[in-house]
């Protein structure tokens, strides 16, 4: 297992997490759970990946989109 270049506790507050796809190194559920516990960020992800995250982290703040959707985030920010 690779060592992260930045320790979790050294990360600044995280407002949003963008999950591009569900490969294990992009969707580390333990890290997502830690982020939810610490910062409760909005987690934006493609349709279908939300089922995995909701099963593992039922109270996560999740927004889901399909191809070419725009996802509303706090403060008027939108992902494409």
Protein backbone atom coordinates (compact mmCIF):
# COMPACT_ATOMS: atom_id res chain seq x y z
CA UNK A 1 0.00 0.00 0.00
CA UNK A 2 1.31 3.42 -0.93
CA UNK A 3 1.87 6.02 1.75
CA UNK A 4 -0.13 9.23 1.17
CA UNK A 5 1.92 12.32 0.41
CA UNK A 6 -0.14 14.29 2.96
CA UNK A 7 -1.26 12.85 6.28
CA UNK A 8 -5.03 12.90 6.80
CA UNK A 9 -4.74 15.10 9.89
CA UNK A 10 -2.70 17.64 7.89
CA UNK A 11 -5.44 18.13 5.28
CA UNK A 12 -7.30 21.44 5.42
CA UNK A 13 -11.08 21.34 5.87
CA UNK A 14 -12.68 19.65 2.84
CA UNK A 15 -15.93 21.18 1.51
CA UNK A 16 -16.54 18.88 -1.46
CA UNK A 17 -15.33 15.55 -2.77
CA UNK A 18 -15.62 14.65 -6.45
CA UNK A 19 -15.64 10.90 -7.11
CA UNK A 20 -15.02 10.42 -10.81
CA UNK A 21 -15.51 6.65 -10.83
CA UNK A 22 -15.49 3.69 -8.48
CA UNK A 23 -12.00 2.20 -8.82
CA UNK A 24 -10.83 1.27 -5.34
CA UNK A 25 -8.13 3.94 -5.26
CA UNK A 26 -10.68 6.65 -6.08
CA UNK A 27 -13.40 5.44 -3.73
CA UNK A 28 -11.65 4.58 -0.48
CA UNK A 29 -14.70 4.19 1.75
CA UNK A 30 -12.70 4.37 4.98
CA UNK A 31 -11.27 7.75 3.97
CA UNK A 32 -14.67 9.00 2.79
CA UNK A 33 -16.11 7.97 6.17
CA UNK A 34 -13.34 9.88 7.98
CA UNK A 35 -14.00 12.95 5.84
CA UNK A 36 -17.73 12.74 6.57
CA UNK A 37 -17.03 12.47 10.30
CA UNK A 38 -14.57 15.37 10.30
CA UNK A 39 -15.89 17.84 7.68
CA UNK A 40 -19.21 16.47 6.33
CA UNK A 41 -18.35 17.48 2.75
CA UNK A 42 -20.79 17.19 -0.11
CA UNK A 43 -19.80 14.14 -2.18
CA UNK A 44 -20.52 14.49 -5.89
CA UNK A 45 -20.47 11.33 -7.99
CA UNK A 46 -21.80 9.61 -11.09
CA UNK A 47 -25.08 7.76 -11.10
CA UNK A 48 -24.61 4.27 -9.66
CA UNK A 49 -21.63 5.06 -7.46
CA UNK A 50 -24.02 6.58 -4.94
CA UNK A 51 -25.41 3.10 -4.14
CA UNK A 52 -21.96 1.98 -2.97
CA UNK A 53 -21.37 5.09 -0.87
CA UNK A 54 -24.91 5.15 0.59
CA UNK A 55 -24.55 1.51 1.66
CA UNK A 56 -21.22 2.21 3.38
CA UNK A 57 -21.98 5.73 4.68
CA UNK A 58 -25.78 6.06 5.00
CA UNK A 59 -25.74 9.64 6.29
CA UNK A 60 -23.28 11.01 3.72
CA UNK A 61 -24.27 14.24 1.91
CA UNK A 62 -24.41 13.02 -1.71
CA UNK A 63 -25.29 14.65 -5.02
CA UNK A 64 -25.53 12.42 -8.08
CA UNK A 65 -25.38 13.15 -11.78
CA UNK A 66 -25.41 11.41 -15.12
CA UNK A 67 -23.52 12.33 -18.29
CA UNK A 68 -23.53 16.10 -18.94
CA UNK A 69 -25.51 16.90 -15.78
CA UNK A 70 -24.58 19.90 -13.65
CA UNK A 71 -24.56 19.22 -9.93
CA UNK A 72 -25.38 22.08 -7.55
CA UNK A 73 -22.95 22.51 -4.68
CA UNK A 74 -22.98 24.98 -1.83
CA UNK A 75 -22.23 28.61 -2.63
CA UNK A 76 -23.46 28.43 -6.22
CA UNK A 77 -20.63 26.17 -7.38
CA UNK A 78 -21.60 23.51 -9.92
CA UNK A 79 -19.64 20.54 -11.20
CA UNK A 80 -19.93 19.26 -14.73
